[in-house]
């Protein structure tokens, strides 16, 4: 099962991905994690990526594609994968299709976890994060239940910042929904429900 995961920031994609990983043995590939790992390992691609990041520039599409391709060739990715955070636009989607074809692989589904923007703003702006261990909890929790650290609101979780992130998503990433709909592999699920309800629908859609 090879899946691209779509949805706005805060839609709950990561939670659903984790459940799919646990049940189906898929590899969850986050491009952000890939970039950080490559930079930390000082691999050839990592060093190249770091030069762009240090200059405050976006890492070029082809470099990200090369990182993804390298990861997809690993043994643990042969049983299936979930791509999270890539592709970010239709140009990347076209390149991904081409690279997968060269590896004699293809996408089985593009899964859209759909949540209304006002729900996302409310959900994320009420989130607090531990300064020490990164644990997240709802507003009103002042002491981390995991390590006792101080809980605070990240700048990314302030309403005005969330709205900017959603605007970027709508401009750049939302067209992917139409791209994959046109390829007849789009699967949509309403993400504004309890996690287990959403997952039940996700599983039904992907195994139908």
Protein backbone atom coordinates (compact mmCIF):
# COMPACT_ATOMS: atom_id res chain seq x y z
CA UNK A 1 0.00 0.00 0.00
CA UNK A 2 1.61 3.24 -1.20
CA UNK A 3 -0.09 6.44 -0.02
CA UNK A 4 0.29 10.20 -0.29
CA UNK A 5 -1.21 11.98 2.72
CA UNK A 6 -2.98 15.29 2.11
CA UNK A 7 -4.57 17.82 4.45
CA UNK A 8 -4.01 21.23 5.99
CA UNK A 9 -1.67 21.78 8.98
CA UNK A 10 -3.46 20.55 12.09
CA UNK A 11 -5.86 18.24 10.22
CA UNK A 12 -4.60 15.22 12.17
CA UNK A 13 -2.65 13.57 9.36
CA UNK A 14 0.20 12.44 11.62
CA UNK A 15 -2.17 10.67 14.02
CA UNK A 16 -3.82 8.73 11.19
CA UNK A 17 -0.45 7.91 9.63
CA UNK A 18 0.77 6.43 12.92
CA UNK A 19 -2.26 4.15 13.12
CA UNK A 20 -1.67 2.94 9.54
CA UNK A 21 2.00 2.31 10.34
CA UNK A 22 1.07 0.21 13.39
CA UNK A 23 -1.58 -1.84 11.62
CA UNK A 24 -0.12 -2.33 8.14
CA UNK A 25 3.65 -2.05 8.70
CA UNK A 26 3.99 0.90 6.34
CA UNK A 27 6.89 3.35 6.52
CA UNK A 28 5.88 6.93 7.41
CA UNK A 29 8.09 9.26 5.37
CA UNK A 30 8.00 12.89 6.46
CA UNK A 31 10.13 15.10 4.22
CA UNK A 32 10.88 17.40 7.16
CA UNK A 33 12.26 14.46 9.14
CA UNK A 34 14.19 13.25 6.07
CA UNK A 35 15.87 16.62 5.61
CA UNK A 36 16.78 16.91 9.29
CA UNK A 37 18.18 13.36 9.34
CA UNK A 38 20.22 13.90 6.16
CA UNK A 39 21.68 17.14 7.52
CA UNK A 40 22.51 15.49 10.86
CA UNK A 41 24.15 12.51 9.12
CA UNK A 42 26.09 14.91 6.87
CA UNK A 43 25.28 12.78 3.84
CA UNK A 44 25.99 14.18 0.37
CA UNK A 45 22.34 15.19 -0.06
CA UNK A 46 22.22 16.49 3.52
CA UNK A 47 25.21 18.78 3.03
CA UNK A 48 23.66 20.10 -0.18
CA UNK A 49 20.29 20.68 1.55
CA UNK A 50 21.97 22.45 4.49
CA UNK A 51 23.58 24.99 2.15
CA UNK A 52 20.10 26.09 1.01
CA UNK A 53 18.60 26.00 4.51
CA UNK A 54 21.46 28.05 5.98
CA UNK A 55 20.91 30.67 3.26
CA UNK A 56 17.22 30.83 4.15
CA UNK A 57 16.23 29.37 0.78
CA UNK A 58 13.76 26.61 -0.04
CA UNK A 59 15.40 23.26 -0.73
CA UNK A 60 14.96 22.63 -4.51
CA UNK A 61 12.31 20.11 -5.60
CA UNK A 62 14.83 17.77 -7.22
CA UNK A 63 16.92 17.54 -4.07
CA UNK A 64 13.84 16.64 -2.01
CA UNK A 65 12.82 14.10 -4.68
CA UNK A 66 16.30 12.53 -4.50
CA UNK A 67 16.00 12.22 -0.71
CA UNK A 68 12.54 10.65 -1.01
CA UNK A 69 13.73 8.28 -3.75
CA UNK A 70 16.71 7.20 -1.63
CA UNK A 71 14.38 6.51 1.31
CA UNK A 72 11.93 4.54 -0.83
CA UNK A 73 14.74 2.21 -1.91
CA UNK A 74 15.42 1.15 1.71
CA UNK A 75 14.41 -2.41 2.63
CA UNK A 76 11.76 -1.36 5.15
CA UNK A 77 9.91 0.71 2.52
CA UNK A 78 9.28 -2.23 0.22
CA UNK A 79 6.10 -3.29 2.03
CA UNK A 80 4.54 0.14 1.46
CA UNK A 81 4.87 3.79 2.43
CA UNK A 82 3.01 6.91 3.51
CA UNK A 83 4.40 10.16 2.10
CA UNK A 84 3.68 13.10 4.42
CA UNK A 85 4.57 16.67 3.43
CA UNK A 86 5.47 15.72 -0.13
CA UNK A 87 4.46 16.44 -2.82
CA UNK A 88 3.59 20.04 -1.91
CA UNK A 89 2.46 21.12 -5.39
CA UNK A 90 1.42 19.61 -8.71
CA UNK A 91 4.89 19.98 -10.26
CA UNK A 92 6.31 17.81 -7.46
CA UNK A 93 3.44 15.35 -7.92
CA UNK A 94 4.23 14.91 -11.61
CA UNK A 95 7.94 14.36 -10.82
CA UNK A 96 7.05 11.87 -8.08
CA UNK A 97 4.87 9.86 -10.47
CA UNK A 98 7.74 9.74 -12.96
CA UNK A 99 10.31 8.66 -10.34
CA UNK A 100 7.99 5.97 -8.94
CA UNK A 101 7.38 4.65 -12.47
CA UNK A 102 11.16 4.37 -12.96
CA UNK A 103 11.23 2.25 -9.78
CA UNK A 104 8.29 0.17 -11.08
CA UNK A 105 6.08 1.37 -8.24
CA UNK A 106 2.91 3.45 -8.14
CA UNK A 107 0.59 5.23 -5.74
CA UNK A 108 -2.47 3.35 -4.56
CA UNK A 109 -4.20 6.32 -2.96
CA UNK A 110 -4.00 10.01 -2.10
CA UNK A 111 -5.72 10.27 1.27
CA UNK A 112 -7.21 13.67 2.12
CA UNK A 113 -7.95 14.31 5.80
CA UNK A 114 -10.39 17.18 5.38
CA UNK A 115 -11.06 19.63 8.22
CA UNK A 116 -12.68 23.08 7.92
CA UNK A 117 -10.22 26.01 8.36
CA UNK A 118 -12.08 27.51 11.35
CA UNK A 119 -11.92 24.15 13.15
CA UNK A 120 -8.16 23.95 12.52
CA UNK A 121 -7.57 27.48 13.86
CA UNK A 122 -9.56 26.64 17.00
CA UNK A 123 -7.84 23.24 17.41
CA UNK A 124 -4.26 24.47 16.99
CA UNK A 125 -4.64 27.75 18.89
CA UNK A 126 -5.84 25.83 21.94
CA UNK A 127 -2.74 23.61 21.89
CA UNK A 128 0.08 23.99 24.41
CA UNK A 129 3.55 22.44 24.13
CA UNK A 130 6.08 21.47 26.80
CA UNK A 131 9.31 23.49 26.61
CA UNK A 132 11.30 20.51 27.86
CA UNK A 133 10.01 17.39 26.07
CA UNK A 134 7.64 18.66 23.35
CA UNK A 135 4.53 16.97 24.79
CA UNK A 136 1.30 18.64 23.57
CA UNK A 137 -1.89 19.18 25.56
CA UNK A 138 -4.99 21.42 25.48
CA UNK A 139 -4.96 24.96 26.87
CA UNK A 140 -5.37 25.03 30.63
CA UNK A 141 -2.62 22.46 31.24
CA UNK A 142 0.20 24.54 32.74
CA UNK A 143 2.51 21.73 33.87
CA UNK A 144 3.61 18.91 31.55
CA UNK A 145 2.06 15.62 32.74
CA UNK A 146 5.01 13.74 31.24
CA UNK A 147 8.04 15.56 32.63
CA UNK A 148 6.76 18.42 34.80
CA UNK A 149 8.07 21.06 32.38
CA UNK A 150 6.46 24.41 31.56
CA UNK A 151 3.67 24.38 28.96
CA UNK A 152 3.56 27.29 26.48
CA UNK A 153 1.93 28.35 23.20
CA UNK A 154 4.28 28.01 20.22
CA UNK A 155 4.33 30.91 17.76
CA UNK A 156 3.16 28.41 15.11
CA UNK A 157 0.03 27.82 17.19
CA UNK A 158 -1.09 31.46 17.41
CA UNK A 159 -4.25 32.21 15.36
CA UNK A 160 -2.63 34.75 13.02
CA UNK A 161 0.26 32.36 12.22
CA UNK A 162 -2.11 29.44 11.69
CA UNK A 163 -4.15 31.51 9.22
CA UNK A 164 -0.99 32.31 7.23
CA UNK A 165 -0.08 28.62 7.13
CA UNK A 166 -3.58 27.77 5.92
CA UNK A 167 -3.38 30.45 3.21
CA UNK A 168 -0.10 28.95 1.95
CA UNK A 169 -1.69 25.49 2.00
CA UNK A 170 -4.69 26.66 -0.02
CA UNK A 171 -2.49 28.34 -2.62
CA UNK A 172 0.20 25.70 -3.07
CA UNK A 173 -1.08 22.35 -1.85
CA UNK A 174 -4.86 22.34 -2.34
CA UNK A 175 -4.49 21.99 -6.18
CA UNK A 176 -3.00 18.54 -5.46
CA UNK A 177 -6.48 17.42 -4.43
CA UNK A 178 -7.73 18.07 -7.97
CA UNK A 179 -4.60 16.48 -9.46
CA UNK A 180 -5.17 13.20 -7.63
CA UNK A 181 -8.92 13.36 -8.16
CA UNK A 182 -8.14 13.54 -11.88
CA UNK A 183 -6.02 10.40 -11.51
CA UNK A 184 -8.94 8.65 -9.74
CA UNK A 185 -6.93 7.78 -6.62
CA UNK A 186 -8.25 10.48 -4.25
CA UNK A 187 -9.85 9.19 -1.04
CA UNK A 188 -11.50 11.79 1.23
CA UNK A 189 -12.32 11.48 4.92
CA UNK A 190 -13.93 13.97 7.31
CA UNK A 191 -11.24 14.67 9.92
CA UNK A 192 -13.45 16.70 12.23
CA UNK A 193 -14.47 13.71 14.38
CA UNK A 194 -12.94 11.53 17.11
CA UNK A 195 -9.64 9.93 16.02
CA UNK A 196 -10.93 6.34 16.05
CA UNK A 197 -13.98 7.24 13.94
CA UNK A 198 -11.77 8.91 11.37
CA UNK A 199 -9.43 5.91 11.31
CA UNK A 200 -12.30 3.47 10.80
CA UNK A 201 -13.23 5.39 7.64
CA UNK A 202 -9.59 5.66 6.53
CA UNK A 203 -9.12 1.90 6.86
CA UNK A 204 -12.39 1.16 5.03
CA UNK A 205 -11.44 3.46 2.15
CA UNK A 206 -7.93 2.07 1.78
CA UNK A 207 -8.84 -1.61 1.99
CA UNK A 208 -12.01 -1.48 -0.11
